[in-house]
Amino acid sequence: MSPPDQTTEPTKPARITGADPSSWDTFALTHLIDPPGVAERCLDLGCGPGARRDLTELGFRYVGIDRFAVPGADLLGQAEAIPLADGSFHLVVAASSFEHFSDPWAAAREVARILKPGGCLVASLSFLEPYHARSHFHMSHLGARVLFEGVGLEVEVVEPFEWSGPEATFQALFQLAPARWIAAAMTRPALWLRQRVIRLLIDRLPEGPRRIRAREFLEEERFRFTAGIKIKARKKS
């Protein structure tokens, strides 16, 4: 099936609000997406059921691609060999998709190829989430940066998920939302206390190389136990 080539005027750019458990915005990526001034094309890489069609509310012309014939797919294809022209998309969204690709490096090269100059990739990737749905590559914030910078994209934003690895593990164990709430109630205070103790210890250190290294350690703390990371990377103009 060929992707749609709509020429209608875009809706007024607006942020998507009111996320719920069935919404793609559960991944909390919309704050990383700049609404376009004109009707630009957006590719949903690994679209699944097509929940991210809400991107049309931001003014995008949505195209969903998946390797399986799922309801949301306008186009069938592999992320490692996307059947689309060079420089044909303003935005690529990959919401928890890259960990499922057998060759994320090839997929990243394909994303860079189909993005227009100045176009963006916005993605979420697993880190400490358990193995799920044939996931191949879970990666840290550093791994994601190396991956996308390695194909020539400029990384602009890297953020941790709102939930931790232990929370994701509890939910995977019991397959019930309350399990994650219980894990959050136990884990988040412990992580907060850990961070406070580290700050107090750093404050007691004299100025010098040791204190500089300790501050660098603290800066990495928000990524140390996260379930995954969010990243925004731009193709050079």
Protein backbone atom coordinates (compact mmCIF):
# COMPACT_ATOMS: atom_id res chain seq x y z
CA MET A 1 0.00 0.00 0.00
CA SER A 2 1.41 3.40 -0.93
CA PRO A 3 1.64 6.18 1.65
CA PRO A 4 -1.01 8.87 1.38
CA ASP A 5 -0.06 12.10 -0.40
CA GLN A 6 -2.45 14.54 1.18
CA THR A 7 -2.49 18.15 0.03
CA THR A 8 -5.12 19.51 2.38
CA GLU A 9 -4.29 22.37 4.70
CA PRO A 10 -2.96 21.26 8.10
CA THR A 11 -4.91 21.73 11.26
CA LYS A 12 -3.78 24.49 13.57
CA PRO A 13 -0.57 23.36 15.31
CA ALA A 14 -1.26 22.39 18.91
CA ARG A 15 0.23 20.20 21.57
CA ILE A 16 -1.45 16.86 22.15
CA THR A 17 -2.96 16.72 25.62
CA GLY A 18 -4.85 14.30 27.78
CA ALA A 19 -2.62 11.23 27.44
CA ASP A 20 -4.17 7.97 28.61
CA PRO A 21 -2.98 4.34 28.80
CA SER A 22 -4.19 3.63 25.25
CA SER A 23 -2.51 6.70 23.77
CA TRP A 24 0.88 6.88 22.07
CA ASP A 25 1.60 9.91 24.26
CA THR A 26 2.11 7.48 27.13
CA PHE A 27 5.68 7.65 25.82
CA ALA A 28 5.64 11.43 26.60
CA LEU A 29 7.40 12.46 23.41
CA THR A 30 5.23 15.31 22.15
CA HIS A 31 7.19 17.97 24.04
CA LEU A 32 10.16 17.07 21.83
CA ILE A 33 8.23 17.63 18.60
CA ASP A 34 8.09 21.06 16.98
CA PRO A 35 4.79 21.57 15.12
CA PRO A 36 5.50 22.36 11.45
CA GLY A 37 4.58 25.63 9.79
CA VAL A 38 3.31 23.76 6.72
CA ALA A 39 1.92 20.27 6.13
CA GLU A 40 5.14 18.28 6.54
CA ARG A 41 5.32 14.50 6.32
CA CYS A 42 5.90 12.44 9.45
CA LEU A 43 6.91 8.77 9.44
CA ASP A 44 5.87 6.59 12.36
CA LEU A 45 8.56 3.90 12.34
CA GLY A 46 7.17 0.72 13.85
CA CYS A 47 3.67 2.16 13.97
CA GLY A 48 1.81 -0.84 15.39
CA PRO A 49 -1.93 -0.11 15.63
CA GLY A 50 -1.43 3.51 14.57
CA ALA A 51 -2.14 5.27 17.87
CA ARG A 52 0.30 8.01 16.85
CA ARG A 53 -2.00 9.22 14.09
CA ASP A 54 -2.76 11.96 16.62
CA LEU A 55 0.33 13.63 15.15
CA THR A 56 -2.01 15.04 12.53
CA GLU A 57 -3.23 17.35 15.32
CA LEU A 58 0.19 19.01 15.19
CA GLY A 59 -0.14 19.64 11.46
CA PHE A 60 1.76 16.62 10.12
CA ARG A 61 0.82 14.37 7.21
CA TYR A 62 1.08 10.99 8.90
CA VAL A 63 2.51 7.82 7.35
CA GLY A 64 2.77 4.65 9.42
CA ILE A 65 5.17 1.85 8.53
CA ASP A 66 5.52 -1.56 10.12
CA ARG A 67 6.96 -4.93 9.18
CA PHE A 68 3.60 -6.54 9.96
CA ALA A 69 0.20 -5.92 8.36
CA VAL A 70 -1.20 -4.14 11.41
CA PRO A 71 -4.19 -1.76 11.30
CA GLY A 72 -2.03 1.37 11.60
CA ALA A 73 0.33 0.59 8.73
CA ASP A 74 0.01 2.61 5.53
CA LEU A 75 3.17 0.94 4.29
CA LEU A 76 4.85 -2.41 4.92
CA GLY A 77 8.61 -2.56 5.21
CA GLN A 78 11.67 -3.21 7.34
CA ALA A 79 13.29 -0.41 9.33
CA GLU A 80 16.65 -1.62 8.03
CA ALA A 81 15.56 -0.97 4.42
CA ILE A 82 12.80 1.66 4.43
CA PRO A 83 11.12 1.78 1.00
CA LEU A 84 10.97 5.57 0.81
CA ALA A 85 12.92 8.25 -1.05
CA ASP A 86 15.92 10.14 0.30
CA GLY A 87 15.08 13.37 2.12
CA SER A 88 11.33 12.82 1.96
CA PHE A 89 10.29 13.30 5.63
CA HIS A 90 10.46 16.20 8.06
CA LEU A 91 9.98 14.02 11.15
CA VAL A 92 10.51 10.38 12.08
CA VAL A 93 8.96 9.14 15.31
CA ALA A 94 10.12 5.81 16.72
CA ALA A 95 8.27 5.17 19.98
CA SER A 96 9.92 2.18 21.68
CA SER A 97 10.81 0.67 18.31
CA PHE A 98 14.61 0.62 18.06
CA GLU A 99 15.09 -2.09 20.66
CA HIS A 100 13.05 -4.41 18.44
CA PHE A 101 15.18 -3.94 15.31
CA SER A 102 17.68 -6.71 14.62
CA ASP A 103 20.10 -4.14 13.17
CA PRO A 104 19.56 -0.74 14.83
CA TRP A 105 22.62 0.70 13.05
CA ALA A 106 21.10 -0.02 9.64
CA ALA A 107 17.77 1.41 10.84
CA ALA A 108 19.50 4.59 12.08
CA ARG A 109 21.23 5.00 8.70
CA GLU A 110 17.87 4.64 6.97
CA VAL A 111 16.30 7.26 9.22
CA ALA A 112 19.13 9.68 8.44
CA ARG A 113 18.71 8.97 4.73
CA ILE A 114 14.97 9.67 4.51
CA LEU A 115 15.06 12.79 6.73
CA LYS A 116 15.12 16.17 5.03
CA PRO A 117 18.01 18.48 5.94
CA GLY A 118 16.96 20.06 9.23
CA GLY A 119 14.48 17.23 9.89
CA CYS A 120 14.28 15.42 13.24
CA LEU A 121 14.14 11.98 14.74
CA VAL A 122 12.24 11.71 18.03
CA ALA A 123 12.54 8.31 19.68
CA SER A 124 12.18 6.37 22.90
CA LEU A 125 14.38 3.34 23.58
CA SER A 126 14.48 0.69 26.29
CA PHE A 127 17.32 0.59 28.78
CA LEU A 128 16.47 -1.28 32.00
CA GLU A 129 13.09 -2.54 30.83
CA PRO A 130 13.03 -6.35 30.81
CA TYR A 131 13.24 -8.31 27.58
CA HIS A 132 9.89 -8.04 25.81
CA ALA A 133 8.31 -8.74 22.41
CA ARG A 134 11.53 -10.01 20.83
CA SER A 135 13.55 -6.97 21.88
CA HIS A 136 17.13 -7.18 20.62
CA PHE A 137 19.07 -4.11 21.74
CA HIS A 138 18.41 -2.17 24.95
CA MET A 139 20.78 0.76 25.33
CA SER A 140 21.84 3.52 27.67
CA HIS A 141 21.74 7.22 26.90
CA LEU A 142 25.38 6.98 25.83
CA GLY A 143 24.65 4.07 23.50
CA ALA A 144 21.78 5.97 21.87
CA ARG A 145 23.94 9.04 21.41
CA VAL A 146 26.69 6.97 19.77
CA LEU A 147 24.13 5.25 17.53
CA PHE A 148 22.56 8.40 16.12
CA GLU A 149 25.66 10.57 16.05
CA GLY A 150 27.34 7.73 14.19
CA VAL A 151 24.98 8.21 11.24
CA GLY A 152 25.51 11.97 11.13
CA LEU A 153 22.58 13.21 13.21
CA GLU A 154 23.08 15.93 15.82
CA VAL A 155 21.65 14.92 19.20
CA GLU A 156 19.79 17.85 20.76
CA VAL A 157 17.97 16.30 23.74
CA VAL A 158 18.43 13.15 25.82
CA GLU A 159 16.06 12.44 28.71
CA PRO A 160 15.29 9.49 31.02
CA PHE A 161 11.89 7.81 31.15
CA GLU A 162 9.52 8.90 33.90
CA TRP A 163 9.65 5.40 35.41
CA SER A 164 12.56 3.30 36.58
CA GLY A 165 13.83 -0.13 35.64
CA PRO A 166 12.47 -1.73 38.84
CA GLU A 167 9.02 -0.32 38.06
CA ALA A 168 9.13 -1.76 34.56
CA THR A 169 10.32 -5.11 35.93
CA PHE A 170 7.49 -5.36 38.47
CA GLN A 171 4.92 -4.60 35.81
CA ALA A 172 6.44 -7.19 33.48
CA LEU A 173 6.44 -9.77 36.28
CA PHE A 174 2.78 -9.39 37.18
CA GLN A 175 1.32 -7.76 34.04
CA LEU A 176 -0.78 -5.47 36.21
CA ALA A 177 -0.58 -1.69 36.50
CA PRO A 178 -0.84 -1.79 40.34
CA ALA A 179 2.44 -3.74 40.39
CA ARG A 180 4.22 -0.75 38.87
CA TRP A 181 2.52 1.61 41.33
CA ILE A 182 3.75 -0.54 44.24
CA ALA A 183 7.25 -0.62 42.75
CA ALA A 184 7.14 3.18 42.29
CA ALA A 185 6.11 3.67 45.91
CA MET A 186 9.15 1.68 47.03
CA THR A 187 11.70 2.73 44.40
CA ARG A 188 11.20 6.48 43.95
CA PRO A 189 11.76 7.42 47.62
CA ALA A 190 14.87 5.20 47.66
CA LEU A 191 16.26 6.85 44.52
CA TRP A 192 15.46 10.32 45.89
CA LEU A 193 17.22 9.49 49.17
CA ARG A 194 20.23 8.09 47.29
CA GLN A 195 20.52 11.32 45.31
CA ARG A 196 20.26 13.46 48.45
CA VAL A 197 22.99 11.46 50.20
CA ILE A 198 25.27 11.77 47.16
CA ARG A 199 24.69 15.56 47.10
CA LEU A 200 25.51 15.85 50.80
CA LEU A 201 28.71 13.85 50.35
CA ILE A 202 29.75 15.99 47.38
CA ASP A 203 29.16 19.17 49.39
CA ARG A 204 31.64 17.91 51.97
CA LEU A 205 34.39 17.36 49.42
CA PRO A 206 37.04 20.05 48.96
CA GLU A 207 37.26 21.73 45.56
CA GLY A 208 39.45 19.75 43.19
CA PRO A 209 39.48 16.84 40.73
CA ARG A 210 37.70 14.48 43.13
CA ARG A 211 34.77 16.85 43.56
CA ILE A 212 34.57 17.40 39.79
CA ARG A 213 34.38 13.61 39.22
CA ALA A 214 31.72 13.31 41.93
CA ARG A 215 29.60 16.00 40.28
CA GLU A 216 29.90 14.21 36.95
CA PHE A 217 28.73 11.03 38.70
CA LEU A 218 25.69 12.88 40.06
CA GLU A 219 24.83 14.31 36.64
CA GLU A 220 24.59 10.73 35.31
CA GLU A 221 22.36 9.64 38.20
CA ARG A 222 19.06 10.31 36.43
CA PHE A 223 20.04 7.83 33.70
CA ARG A 224 21.44 5.15 36.00
CA PHE A 225 18.20 3.38 36.90
CA THR A 226 15.80 4.54 34.20
CA ALA A 227 13.62 2.08 32.28
CA GLY A 228 14.54 3.82 29.03
CA ILE A 229 15.58 7.03 27.36
CA LYS A 230 14.06 9.62 25.02
CA ILE A 231 16.13 11.31 22.37
CA LYS A 232 15.77 14.05 19.77
CA ALA A 233 18.30 14.20 16.94
CA ARG A 234 18.41 16.49 13.92
CA LYS A 235 19.80 16.04 10.43
CA LYS A 236 22.23 18.82 9.52
CA SER A 237 20.82 21.47 7.20
